[in-house]
């Protein structure tokens, strides 16, 4: 596992661990927090080609756990670092879904240094401890745009163990399994077809 000084997303202050770095508690300690990853549904990973490995300008001074080099998804701050501008829409859609609590996304620069690996977690609409706020959403400002974003994001998610660990140079022998087929996306408690 990479040390903080080797983490490509950490700023120099965080890398030296002398700055005011916020550390999220270990997964066992934050189980009582509703949005802790153990309360979410792990969907799989996405990979975004990046043009440079020094991403320190997007450092949010957090790591997801004390012994991890995964960060919270920086959202639209990542746009200038994308090598493939076709990923710009995907990044914007992920940012919307994270902001509106449909997904939680963690990121890490892969072993190759050429890609940002994204771990994607689905937030259940009936997540305990949020007083039902995820069940009651505005159709116009939340649900309709979320459907559009999910149509783009979900079929691209890959379930491969090596990518989940952030190892893009060590693909597993079996071919990647996509989270969903190319036609169906499950959103909240209903299903819709992509070809309609």
N, C-alpha and C. Protein backbone atom coordinates (compact mmCIF):
# COMPACT_ATOMS: atom_id res chain seq x y z
N UNK A 1 0.85 -1.18 0.00
CA UNK A 1 0.00 0.00 0.00
C UNK A 1 0.89 1.24 0.00
N UNK A 2 0.57 2.23 -0.78
CA UNK A 2 1.38 3.43 -0.90
C UNK A 2 1.33 4.26 0.37
N UNK A 3 2.47 4.86 0.69
CA UNK A 3 2.49 5.77 1.84
C UNK A 3 1.93 7.11 1.41
N UNK A 4 1.66 7.99 2.37
CA UNK A 4 1.10 9.30 2.05
C UNK A 4 2.05 10.07 1.14
N UNK A 5 3.38 9.93 1.36
CA UNK A 5 4.32 10.68 0.55
C UNK A 5 4.32 10.21 -0.90
N UNK A 6 3.80 9.01 -1.17
CA UNK A 6 3.73 8.48 -2.53
C UNK A 6 2.37 8.70 -3.16
N UNK A 7 1.40 9.18 -2.41
CA UNK A 7 0.06 9.35 -2.92
C UNK A 7 0.04 10.52 -3.90
N UNK A 8 -0.39 10.26 -5.13
CA UNK A 8 -0.37 11.28 -6.18
C UNK A 8 -1.44 12.34 -6.01
N UNK A 9 -2.43 12.08 -5.17
CA UNK A 9 -3.50 13.06 -4.98
C UNK A 9 -3.20 13.97 -3.79
N UNK A 10 -2.38 13.52 -2.85
CA UNK A 10 -2.08 14.33 -1.67
C UNK A 10 -1.23 15.55 -2.04
N UNK A 11 -1.57 16.69 -1.45
CA UNK A 11 -0.73 17.88 -1.58
C UNK A 11 0.53 17.67 -0.75
N UNK A 12 1.50 18.55 -0.87
CA UNK A 12 2.77 18.35 -0.16
C UNK A 12 2.58 18.35 1.35
N UNK A 13 1.65 19.16 1.84
CA UNK A 13 1.39 19.20 3.28
C UNK A 13 0.84 17.87 3.78
N UNK A 14 -0.10 17.29 3.02
CA UNK A 14 -0.68 16.01 3.41
C UNK A 14 0.33 14.88 3.25
N UNK A 15 1.12 14.95 2.18
CA UNK A 15 2.10 13.91 1.92
C UNK A 15 3.12 13.81 3.03
N UNK A 16 3.48 14.97 3.60
CA UNK A 16 4.44 14.95 4.70
C UNK A 16 3.75 14.73 6.04
N UNK A 17 2.41 14.73 6.01
CA UNK A 17 1.56 14.55 7.19
C UNK A 17 1.82 15.60 8.27
N UNK A 18 2.30 16.79 7.85
CA UNK A 18 2.49 17.87 8.81
C UNK A 18 1.33 18.85 8.77
N UNK A 19 0.53 18.77 7.74
CA UNK A 19 -0.59 19.71 7.60
C UNK A 19 -1.79 19.26 8.40
N UNK A 20 -2.83 20.04 8.32
CA UNK A 20 -4.09 19.73 9.00
C UNK A 20 -4.88 18.77 8.13
N UNK A 21 -4.55 17.50 8.22
CA UNK A 21 -5.18 16.49 7.38
C UNK A 21 -6.33 15.85 8.15
N UNK A 22 -7.49 15.85 7.55
CA UNK A 22 -8.64 15.19 8.15
C UNK A 22 -8.58 13.72 7.83
N UNK A 23 -8.63 12.89 8.83
CA UNK A 23 -8.64 11.46 8.61
C UNK A 23 -10.01 10.92 8.97
N UNK A 24 -10.62 10.23 8.05
CA UNK A 24 -11.88 9.58 8.36
C UNK A 24 -11.55 8.32 9.14
N UNK A 25 -12.32 8.03 10.16
CA UNK A 25 -12.05 6.89 11.02
C UNK A 25 -12.01 5.59 10.23
N UNK A 26 -11.44 4.57 10.84
CA UNK A 26 -11.39 3.27 10.19
C UNK A 26 -12.81 2.78 9.95
N UNK A 27 -13.00 1.89 8.97
CA UNK A 27 -14.35 1.42 8.64
C UNK A 27 -15.09 0.84 9.84
N UNK A 28 -14.38 0.19 10.76
CA UNK A 28 -15.05 -0.39 11.92
C UNK A 28 -15.60 0.69 12.86
N UNK A 29 -14.91 1.83 12.90
CA UNK A 29 -15.31 2.89 13.82
C UNK A 29 -16.45 3.76 13.29
N UNK A 30 -16.63 3.81 11.97
CA UNK A 30 -17.65 4.71 11.45
C UNK A 30 -18.88 3.97 10.92
N UNK A 31 -19.12 2.75 11.44
CA UNK A 31 -20.29 1.98 11.02
C UNK A 31 -21.59 2.67 11.42
N UNK A 32 -21.53 3.52 12.46
CA UNK A 32 -22.73 4.22 12.89
C UNK A 32 -23.04 5.43 12.02
N UNK A 33 -22.14 5.82 11.14
CA UNK A 33 -22.39 6.92 10.20
C UNK A 33 -23.18 6.36 9.02
N UNK A 34 -24.29 6.96 8.64
CA UNK A 34 -25.12 6.39 7.58
C UNK A 34 -24.39 6.17 6.26
N UNK A 35 -23.52 7.09 5.86
CA UNK A 35 -22.87 6.99 4.55
C UNK A 35 -21.52 6.29 4.60
N UNK A 36 -21.23 5.58 5.68
CA UNK A 36 -20.02 4.77 5.75
C UNK A 36 -20.11 3.68 4.69
N UNK A 37 -18.98 3.35 4.06
CA UNK A 37 -19.03 2.44 2.91
C UNK A 37 -19.60 1.07 3.25
N UNK A 38 -19.46 0.61 4.47
CA UNK A 38 -20.03 -0.70 4.80
C UNK A 38 -21.56 -0.67 4.83
N UNK A 39 -22.17 0.50 4.81
CA UNK A 39 -23.62 0.63 4.75
C UNK A 39 -24.12 0.81 3.31
N UNK A 40 -23.20 0.87 2.35
CA UNK A 40 -23.53 1.12 0.96
C UNK A 40 -23.38 -0.17 0.14
N UNK A 41 -23.79 -0.12 -1.12
CA UNK A 41 -23.69 -1.27 -2.01
C UNK A 41 -22.52 -1.07 -2.97
N UNK A 42 -21.44 -1.86 -2.82
CA UNK A 42 -20.30 -1.70 -3.74
C UNK A 42 -20.68 -2.16 -5.14
N UNK A 43 -20.61 -1.25 -6.10
CA UNK A 43 -21.02 -1.56 -7.47
C UNK A 43 -19.85 -2.04 -8.31
N UNK A 44 -18.70 -1.40 -8.19
CA UNK A 44 -17.54 -1.75 -9.00
C UNK A 44 -16.70 -0.53 -9.26
N UNK A 45 -15.96 -0.54 -10.36
CA UNK A 45 -15.01 0.53 -10.62
C UNK A 45 -15.20 1.14 -12.01
N UNK A 46 -14.67 2.33 -12.13
CA UNK A 46 -14.53 3.03 -13.39
C UNK A 46 -13.09 3.48 -13.48
N UNK A 47 -12.56 3.64 -14.68
CA UNK A 47 -11.20 4.15 -14.86
C UNK A 47 -11.27 5.38 -15.76
N UNK A 48 -10.61 6.43 -15.33
CA UNK A 48 -10.53 7.66 -16.12
C UNK A 48 -9.07 7.91 -16.47
N UNK A 49 -8.75 8.02 -17.76
CA UNK A 49 -7.39 8.33 -18.18
C UNK A 49 -7.07 9.75 -17.75
N UNK A 50 -5.89 9.93 -17.16
CA UNK A 50 -5.48 11.25 -16.71
C UNK A 50 -4.22 11.67 -17.45
N UNK A 51 -4.06 12.97 -17.66
CA UNK A 51 -2.95 13.47 -18.45
C UNK A 51 -1.69 13.68 -17.61
N UNK A 52 -1.83 13.77 -16.33
CA UNK A 52 -0.67 13.92 -15.45
C UNK A 52 -0.98 13.25 -14.12
N UNK A 53 0.08 12.75 -13.50
CA UNK A 53 -0.14 12.02 -12.25
C UNK A 53 -0.09 12.92 -11.04
N UNK A 54 0.40 14.15 -11.17
CA UNK A 54 0.42 15.06 -10.03
C UNK A 54 -0.93 15.75 -9.92
N UNK A 55 -1.77 15.21 -9.06
CA UNK A 55 -3.12 15.74 -8.88
C UNK A 55 -3.25 16.51 -7.57
N UNK A 56 -2.13 16.98 -7.04
CA UNK A 56 -2.13 17.61 -5.71
C UNK A 56 -3.06 18.81 -5.61
N UNK A 57 -3.37 19.47 -6.73
CA UNK A 57 -4.26 20.63 -6.68
C UNK A 57 -5.70 20.26 -6.35
N UNK A 58 -6.05 18.98 -6.44
CA UNK A 58 -7.41 18.56 -6.11
C UNK A 58 -7.47 17.87 -4.75
N UNK A 59 -6.39 17.94 -3.99
CA UNK A 59 -6.35 17.31 -2.67
C UNK A 59 -7.41 17.94 -1.76
N UNK A 60 -8.21 17.08 -1.14
CA UNK A 60 -9.22 17.57 -0.20
C UNK A 60 -8.81 17.28 1.24
N UNK A 61 -7.55 16.90 1.42
CA UNK A 61 -6.95 16.68 2.74
C UNK A 61 -7.62 15.55 3.51
N UNK A 62 -8.16 14.59 2.80
CA UNK A 62 -8.75 13.43 3.46
C UNK A 62 -8.32 12.15 2.75
N UNK A 63 -8.25 11.12 3.51
CA UNK A 63 -8.15 9.76 3.00
C UNK A 63 -9.35 9.04 3.58
N UNK A 64 -9.78 7.99 2.91
CA UNK A 64 -11.01 7.36 3.36
C UNK A 64 -10.83 6.59 4.66
N UNK A 65 -9.65 6.05 4.92
CA UNK A 65 -9.35 5.40 6.20
C UNK A 65 -7.92 5.71 6.57
N UNK A 66 -7.52 5.38 7.79
CA UNK A 66 -6.17 5.68 8.25
C UNK A 66 -5.09 4.95 7.46
N UNK A 67 -5.39 3.78 6.92
CA UNK A 67 -4.36 3.01 6.23
C UNK A 67 -4.63 2.89 4.73
N UNK A 68 -5.40 3.80 4.17
CA UNK A 68 -5.79 3.70 2.77
C UNK A 68 -5.29 4.91 2.01
N UNK A 69 -5.08 4.72 0.72
CA UNK A 69 -4.72 5.85 -0.12
C UNK A 69 -5.84 6.20 -1.09
N UNK A 70 -7.07 5.91 -0.69
CA UNK A 70 -8.25 6.29 -1.47
C UNK A 70 -8.75 7.63 -0.97
N UNK A 71 -9.16 8.46 -1.89
CA UNK A 71 -9.69 9.79 -1.58
C UNK A 71 -11.16 9.86 -1.97
N UNK A 72 -11.84 10.88 -1.46
CA UNK A 72 -13.19 11.14 -1.93
C UNK A 72 -13.08 11.72 -3.34
N UNK A 73 -14.09 11.47 -4.16
CA UNK A 73 -14.09 11.91 -5.56
C UNK A 73 -14.08 13.43 -5.63
N UNK A 74 -13.14 14.03 -6.38
CA UNK A 74 -13.03 15.49 -6.43
C UNK A 74 -14.04 16.17 -7.33
N UNK A 75 -14.83 15.41 -8.07
CA UNK A 75 -15.86 16.00 -8.91
C UNK A 75 -15.31 16.78 -10.07
N UNK A 76 -15.90 17.93 -10.33
CA UNK A 76 -15.53 18.72 -11.49
C UNK A 76 -14.12 19.29 -11.40
N UNK A 77 -13.49 19.27 -10.23
CA UNK A 77 -12.10 19.72 -10.10
C UNK A 77 -11.16 18.81 -10.89
N UNK A 78 -11.62 17.62 -11.22
CA UNK A 78 -10.83 16.66 -11.97
C UNK A 78 -10.78 16.96 -13.47
N UNK A 79 -11.69 17.76 -13.97
CA UNK A 79 -11.83 17.99 -15.42
C UNK A 79 -10.53 18.41 -16.12
N UNK A 80 -9.72 19.33 -15.58
CA UNK A 80 -8.50 19.72 -16.30
C UNK A 80 -7.46 18.60 -16.40
N UNK A 81 -7.59 17.55 -15.62
CA UNK A 81 -6.61 16.47 -15.60
C UNK A 81 -6.99 15.30 -16.50
N UNK A 82 -8.16 15.33 -17.09
CA UNK A 82 -8.61 14.22 -17.92
C UNK A 82 -7.85 14.19 -19.25
N UNK A 83 -7.33 13.02 -19.61
CA UNK A 83 -6.63 12.87 -20.88
C UNK A 83 -7.62 12.70 -22.02
N UNK A 84 -8.74 12.09 -21.75
CA UNK A 84 -9.76 11.85 -22.76
C UNK A 84 -10.97 12.73 -22.45
N UNK A 85 -11.20 13.73 -23.26
CA UNK A 85 -12.28 14.67 -22.99
C UNK A 85 -13.66 14.03 -23.09
N UNK A 86 -13.75 12.82 -23.66
CA UNK A 86 -15.02 12.11 -23.67
C UNK A 86 -15.43 11.72 -22.25
N UNK A 87 -14.48 11.66 -21.34
CA UNK A 87 -14.79 11.34 -19.94
C UNK A 87 -15.32 12.54 -19.17
N UNK A 88 -15.32 13.71 -19.80
CA UNK A 88 -15.81 14.90 -19.12
C UNK A 88 -17.29 14.76 -18.73
N UNK A 89 -18.10 14.24 -19.63
CA UNK A 89 -19.52 14.03 -19.33
C UNK A 89 -19.68 13.03 -18.20
N UNK A 90 -18.94 11.94 -18.26
CA UNK A 90 -18.99 10.93 -17.20
C UNK A 90 -18.62 11.54 -15.85
N UNK A 91 -17.59 12.35 -15.84
CA UNK A 91 -17.14 13.00 -14.61
C UNK A 91 -18.21 13.96 -14.07
N UNK A 92 -18.84 14.72 -14.95
CA UNK A 92 -19.91 15.64 -14.54
C UNK A 92 -21.12 14.88 -14.00
N UNK A 93 -21.44 13.76 -14.64
CA UNK A 93 -22.56 12.94 -14.16
C UNK A 93 -22.25 12.33 -12.80
N UNK A 94 -21.04 11.86 -12.62
CA UNK A 94 -20.65 11.33 -11.31
C UNK A 94 -20.73 12.41 -10.24
N UNK A 95 -20.29 13.61 -10.58
CA UNK A 95 -20.33 14.72 -9.63
C UNK A 95 -21.76 15.00 -9.20
N UNK A 96 -22.70 15.00 -10.15
CA UNK A 96 -24.11 15.22 -9.82
C UNK A 96 -24.63 14.11 -8.91
N UNK A 97 -24.33 12.87 -9.25
CA UNK A 97 -24.84 11.73 -8.48
C UNK A 97 -24.26 11.70 -7.06
N UNK A 98 -23.02 12.11 -6.91
CA UNK A 98 -22.41 12.18 -5.57
C UNK A 98 -23.03 13.34 -4.79
N UNK A 99 -23.14 14.49 -5.43
CA UNK A 99 -23.70 15.67 -4.76
C UNK A 99 -25.12 15.42 -4.27
N UNK A 100 -25.91 14.65 -5.04
CA UNK A 100 -27.30 14.39 -4.68
C UNK A 100 -27.48 13.04 -3.97
N UNK A 101 -26.39 12.46 -3.54
CA UNK A 101 -26.36 11.26 -2.69
C UNK A 101 -27.02 10.03 -3.32
N UNK A 102 -26.80 9.85 -4.62
CA UNK A 102 -27.19 8.61 -5.28
C UNK A 102 -26.02 7.62 -5.25
N UNK A 103 -24.80 8.17 -5.33
CA UNK A 103 -23.58 7.36 -5.30
C UNK A 103 -22.57 7.98 -4.35
N UNK A 104 -21.67 7.15 -3.86
CA UNK A 104 -20.46 7.61 -3.17
C UNK A 104 -19.31 7.08 -4.01
N UNK A 105 -18.34 7.93 -4.30
CA UNK A 105 -17.22 7.54 -5.16
C UNK A 105 -15.92 7.87 -4.45
N UNK A 106 -15.02 6.89 -4.47
CA UNK A 106 -13.66 7.08 -3.96
C UNK A 106 -12.71 6.96 -5.14
N UNK A 107 -11.53 7.60 -5.04
CA UNK A 107 -10.60 7.54 -6.16
C UNK A 107 -9.17 7.35 -5.70
N UNK A 108 -8.37 6.85 -6.62
CA UNK A 108 -6.95 6.59 -6.38
C UNK A 108 -6.27 6.51 -7.74
N UNK A 109 -5.05 7.03 -7.84
CA UNK A 109 -4.29 6.87 -9.07
C UNK A 109 -3.86 5.41 -9.14
N UNK A 110 -4.12 4.78 -10.28
CA UNK A 110 -3.77 3.37 -10.46
C UNK A 110 -2.27 3.15 -10.50
N UNK A 111 -1.87 1.90 -10.42
CA UNK A 111 -0.44 1.55 -10.43
C UNK A 111 0.27 2.06 -11.68
N UNK A 112 -0.44 2.13 -12.79
CA UNK A 112 0.18 2.56 -14.05
C UNK A 112 0.50 4.06 -14.02
N UNK A 113 -0.19 4.83 -13.19
CA UNK A 113 -0.02 6.27 -13.15
C UNK A 113 -0.75 6.98 -14.27
N UNK A 114 -1.39 6.23 -15.15
CA UNK A 114 -2.07 6.83 -16.30
C UNK A 114 -3.58 6.89 -16.13
N UNK A 115 -4.09 6.33 -15.04
CA UNK A 115 -5.54 6.30 -14.86
C UNK A 115 -5.90 6.57 -13.41
N UNK A 116 -7.03 7.21 -13.24
CA UNK A 116 -7.61 7.38 -11.92
C UNK A 116 -8.67 6.31 -11.79
N UNK A 117 -8.51 5.44 -10.80
CA UNK A 117 -9.45 4.36 -10.56
C UNK A 117 -10.52 4.89 -9.61
N UNK A 118 -11.77 4.68 -9.95
CA UNK A 118 -12.88 5.15 -9.12
C UNK A 118 -13.63 3.95 -8.57
N UNK A 119 -13.77 3.88 -7.26
CA UNK A 119 -14.64 2.89 -6.63
C UNK A 119 -16.02 3.51 -6.51
N UNK A 120 -17.03 2.80 -6.97
CA UNK A 120 -18.38 3.34 -6.98
C UNK A 120 -19.25 2.53 -6.03
N UNK A 121 -19.91 3.23 -5.12
CA UNK A 121 -20.86 2.64 -4.18
C UNK A 121 -22.23 3.23 -4.43
N UNK A 122 -23.25 2.38 -4.43
CA UNK A 122 -24.62 2.84 -4.59
C UNK A 122 -25.19 3.14 -3.20
N UNK A 123 -25.84 4.28 -3.07
CA UNK A 123 -26.49 4.65 -1.82
C UNK A 123 -27.92 4.12 -1.86
N UNK A 124 -28.28 3.18 -0.98
CA UNK A 124 -29.66 2.68 -0.98
C UNK A 124 -30.65 3.78 -0.62
N UNK A 125 -31.79 3.80 -1.29
CA UNK A 125 -32.77 4.84 -1.01
C UNK A 125 -33.39 4.68 0.38
N UNK A 126 -33.28 3.47 0.96
CA UNK A 126 -33.82 3.23 2.31
C UNK A 126 -32.70 3.13 3.34
N UNK A 127 -31.62 3.86 3.13
CA UNK A 127 -30.46 3.84 4.03
C UNK A 127 -30.89 4.23 5.44
N UNK A 128 -30.59 3.37 6.43
CA UNK A 128 -30.97 3.70 7.81
C UNK A 128 -30.21 4.94 8.31
N UNK A 129 -30.84 5.69 9.15
CA UNK A 129 -30.20 6.82 9.80
C UNK A 129 -30.27 8.14 9.06
N UNK A 130 -31.00 8.20 7.96
CA UNK A 130 -31.11 9.47 7.22
C UNK A 130 -32.52 10.03 7.25
N UNK A 131 -33.35 9.51 8.12
CA UNK A 131 -34.72 9.98 8.33
C UNK A 131 -35.55 10.05 7.04
N UNK A 132 -35.34 9.11 6.14
CA UNK A 132 -36.15 9.02 4.93
C UNK A 132 -35.89 10.07 3.87
N UNK A 133 -34.84 10.89 4.03
CA UNK A 133 -34.61 11.97 3.06
C UNK A 133 -34.27 11.45 1.67
N UNK A 134 -33.78 10.21 1.56
CA UNK A 134 -33.45 9.66 0.26
C UNK A 134 -34.68 9.09 -0.45
N UNK A 135 -35.74 8.89 0.28
CA UNK A 135 -36.98 8.36 -0.32
C UNK A 135 -37.80 9.47 -0.96
N UNK A 136 -37.69 10.67 -0.45
CA UNK A 136 -38.50 11.79 -0.94
C UNK A 136 -37.55 12.75 -1.66
N UNK A 137 -37.59 12.70 -2.98
CA UNK A 137 -36.73 13.56 -3.79
C UNK A 137 -37.58 14.28 -4.82
N UNK A 138 -37.14 15.44 -5.20
CA UNK A 138 -37.85 16.23 -6.19
C UNK A 138 -37.65 15.62 -7.58
N UNK A 139 -38.74 15.42 -8.30
CA UNK A 139 -38.69 14.81 -9.63
C UNK A 139 -37.86 15.66 -10.60
N UNK A 140 -38.09 16.96 -10.60
CA UNK A 140 -37.45 17.83 -11.59
C UNK A 140 -35.98 18.07 -11.29
N UNK A 141 -35.64 18.38 -10.06
CA UNK A 141 -34.25 18.74 -9.75
C UNK A 141 -33.38 17.55 -9.38
N UNK A 142 -33.95 16.43 -8.95
CA UNK A 142 -33.15 15.29 -8.50
C UNK A 142 -33.34 14.05 -9.37
N UNK A 143 -34.56 13.53 -9.44
CA UNK A 143 -34.78 12.23 -10.07
C UNK A 143 -34.58 12.23 -11.58
N UNK A 144 -35.14 13.20 -12.27
CA UNK A 144 -35.01 13.22 -13.73
C UNK A 144 -33.55 13.35 -14.17
N UNK A 145 -32.77 14.31 -13.62
CA UNK A 145 -31.37 14.38 -14.01
C UNK A 145 -30.57 13.15 -13.55
N UNK A 146 -30.95 12.57 -12.42
CA UNK A 146 -30.24 11.38 -11.92
C UNK A 146 -30.43 10.21 -12.88
N UNK A 147 -31.61 10.06 -13.45
CA UNK A 147 -31.84 8.99 -14.42
C UNK A 147 -30.91 9.12 -15.62
N UNK A 148 -30.79 10.35 -16.11
CA UNK A 148 -29.90 10.61 -17.25
C UNK A 148 -28.45 10.26 -16.88
N UNK A 149 -28.02 10.71 -15.72
CA UNK A 149 -26.65 10.45 -15.28
C UNK A 149 -26.41 8.96 -15.07
N UNK A 150 -27.36 8.28 -14.46
CA UNK A 150 -27.20 6.84 -14.21
C UNK A 150 -27.17 6.03 -15.50
N UNK A 151 -27.91 6.48 -16.52
CA UNK A 151 -27.87 5.81 -17.83
C UNK A 151 -26.47 5.82 -18.41
N UNK A 152 -25.73 6.87 -18.15
CA UNK A 152 -24.37 6.99 -18.65
C UNK A 152 -23.38 6.23 -17.77
N UNK A 153 -23.54 6.32 -16.47
CA UNK A 153 -22.55 5.78 -15.54
C UNK A 153 -22.65 4.27 -15.34
N UNK A 154 -23.82 3.78 -15.02
CA UNK A 154 -23.96 2.39 -14.56
C UNK A 154 -23.48 1.34 -15.56
N UNK A 155 -23.78 1.44 -16.85
CA UNK A 155 -23.30 0.40 -17.76
C UNK A 155 -21.78 0.36 -17.93
N UNK A 156 -21.08 1.40 -17.51
CA UNK A 156 -19.63 1.45 -17.65
C UNK A 156 -18.89 0.86 -16.44
N UNK A 157 -19.61 0.60 -15.38
CA UNK A 157 -18.99 0.08 -14.16
C UNK A 157 -18.54 -1.36 -14.38
N UNK A 158 -17.30 -1.62 -14.01
CA UNK A 158 -16.71 -2.95 -14.16
C UNK A 158 -16.49 -3.55 -12.78
N UNK A 159 -16.78 -4.82 -12.66
CA UNK A 159 -16.51 -5.53 -11.41
C UNK A 159 -15.31 -6.44 -11.63
N UNK A 160 -14.16 -5.96 -11.24
CA UNK A 160 -12.93 -6.73 -11.34
C UNK A 160 -12.12 -6.49 -10.08
N UNK A 161 -11.73 -7.55 -9.42
CA UNK A 161 -11.07 -7.46 -8.11
C UNK A 161 -9.79 -6.62 -8.15
N UNK A 162 -8.96 -6.78 -9.17
CA UNK A 162 -7.71 -6.02 -9.21
C UNK A 162 -7.96 -4.52 -9.33
N UNK A 163 -8.96 -4.13 -10.12
CA UNK A 163 -9.28 -2.70 -10.23
C UNK A 163 -9.86 -2.17 -8.92
N UNK A 164 -10.64 -2.98 -8.23
CA UNK A 164 -11.19 -2.55 -6.94
C UNK A 164 -10.06 -2.23 -5.97
N UNK A 165 -8.96 -2.92 -6.08
CA UNK A 165 -7.79 -2.65 -5.25
C UNK A 165 -6.92 -1.53 -5.78
N UNK A 166 -7.27 -0.98 -6.95
CA UNK A 166 -6.50 0.11 -7.54
C UNK A 166 -5.32 -0.37 -8.36
N UNK A 167 -5.33 -1.64 -8.74
CA UNK A 167 -4.20 -2.22 -9.48
C UNK A 167 -4.57 -2.39 -10.94
N UNK A 168 -4.32 -1.36 -11.73
CA UNK A 168 -4.67 -1.42 -13.14
C UNK A 168 -3.59 -2.09 -13.98
N UNK A 169 -2.45 -2.45 -13.39
CA UNK A 169 -1.41 -3.17 -14.11
C UNK A 169 -1.52 -4.67 -13.90
N UNK A 170 -2.41 -5.10 -13.02
CA UNK A 170 -2.52 -6.50 -12.64
C UNK A 170 -3.94 -7.00 -12.87
N UNK A 171 -4.35 -7.09 -14.17
CA UNK A 171 -5.73 -7.53 -14.42
C UNK A 171 -5.92 -8.98 -14.01
N UNK A 172 -7.09 -9.28 -13.54
CA UNK A 172 -7.39 -10.66 -13.15
C UNK A 172 -7.51 -11.51 -14.41
N UNK A 173 -7.24 -12.81 -14.29
CA UNK A 173 -7.25 -13.67 -15.48
C UNK A 173 -8.60 -13.75 -16.18
N UNK A 174 -9.68 -13.63 -15.44
CA UNK A 174 -10.98 -13.68 -16.08
C UNK A 174 -11.33 -12.30 -16.63
N UNK A 175 -12.17 -12.28 -17.63
CA UNK A 175 -12.55 -11.00 -18.21
C UNK A 175 -13.40 -10.21 -17.23
N UNK A 176 -13.36 -8.87 -17.32
CA UNK A 176 -14.15 -8.05 -16.41
C UNK A 176 -15.64 -8.31 -16.58
N UNK A 177 -16.34 -8.19 -15.49
CA UNK A 177 -17.78 -8.36 -15.50
C UNK A 177 -18.40 -6.98 -15.33
N UNK A 178 -19.27 -6.61 -16.24
CA UNK A 178 -19.93 -5.33 -16.12
C UNK A 178 -21.06 -5.42 -15.11
N UNK A 179 -21.27 -4.36 -14.38
CA UNK A 179 -22.27 -4.34 -13.33
C UNK A 179 -23.66 -4.64 -13.88
N UNK A 180 -23.99 -4.06 -15.00
CA UNK A 180 -25.30 -4.26 -15.64
C UNK A 180 -25.10 -4.56 -17.11
N UNK A 181 -26.08 -5.18 -17.75
CA UNK A 181 -25.98 -5.33 -19.19
C UNK A 181 -26.19 -3.97 -19.84
N UNK A 182 -26.03 -3.90 -21.13
CA UNK A 182 -26.07 -2.60 -21.81
C UNK A 182 -27.46 -2.03 -21.97
N UNK A 183 -28.51 -2.73 -21.56
CA UNK A 183 -29.87 -2.26 -21.77
C UNK A 183 -30.63 -1.87 -20.51
N UNK A 184 -30.25 -2.41 -19.36
CA UNK A 184 -31.06 -2.23 -18.16
C UNK A 184 -30.29 -1.52 -17.06
N UNK A 185 -30.92 -0.56 -16.44
CA UNK A 185 -30.34 0.13 -15.29
C UNK A 185 -31.38 0.13 -14.18
N UNK A 186 -30.96 -0.23 -12.98
CA UNK A 186 -31.86 -0.20 -11.83
C UNK A 186 -31.64 1.12 -11.11
N UNK A 187 -32.70 1.86 -10.91
CA UNK A 187 -32.60 3.15 -10.24
C UNK A 187 -33.60 3.17 -9.10
N UNK A 188 -33.10 3.42 -7.91
CA UNK A 188 -33.93 3.44 -6.72
C UNK A 188 -34.75 2.15 -6.67
N UNK A 189 -36.05 2.24 -6.61
CA UNK A 189 -36.85 1.03 -6.49
C UNK A 189 -37.56 0.67 -7.79
N UNK A 190 -37.11 1.22 -8.91
CA UNK A 190 -37.76 0.90 -10.17
C UNK A 190 -36.71 0.66 -11.24
N UNK A 191 -37.11 0.01 -12.32
CA UNK A 191 -36.22 -0.32 -13.43
C UNK A 191 -36.70 0.40 -14.68
N UNK A 192 -35.76 0.87 -15.48
CA UNK A 192 -36.16 1.44 -16.76
C UNK A 192 -35.19 0.96 -17.82
N UNK A 193 -35.65 0.97 -19.06
CA UNK A 193 -34.85 0.49 -20.18
C UNK A 193 -34.11 1.67 -20.81
N UNK A 194 -32.86 1.43 -21.22
CA UNK A 194 -32.08 2.48 -21.84
C UNK A 194 -32.54 2.79 -23.24
N UNK A 195 -33.21 1.85 -23.89
CA UNK A 195 -33.60 2.09 -25.28
C UNK A 195 -34.98 2.74 -25.40
N UNK A 196 -35.56 3.21 -24.29
CA UNK A 196 -36.85 3.89 -24.36
C UNK A 196 -36.67 5.38 -24.19
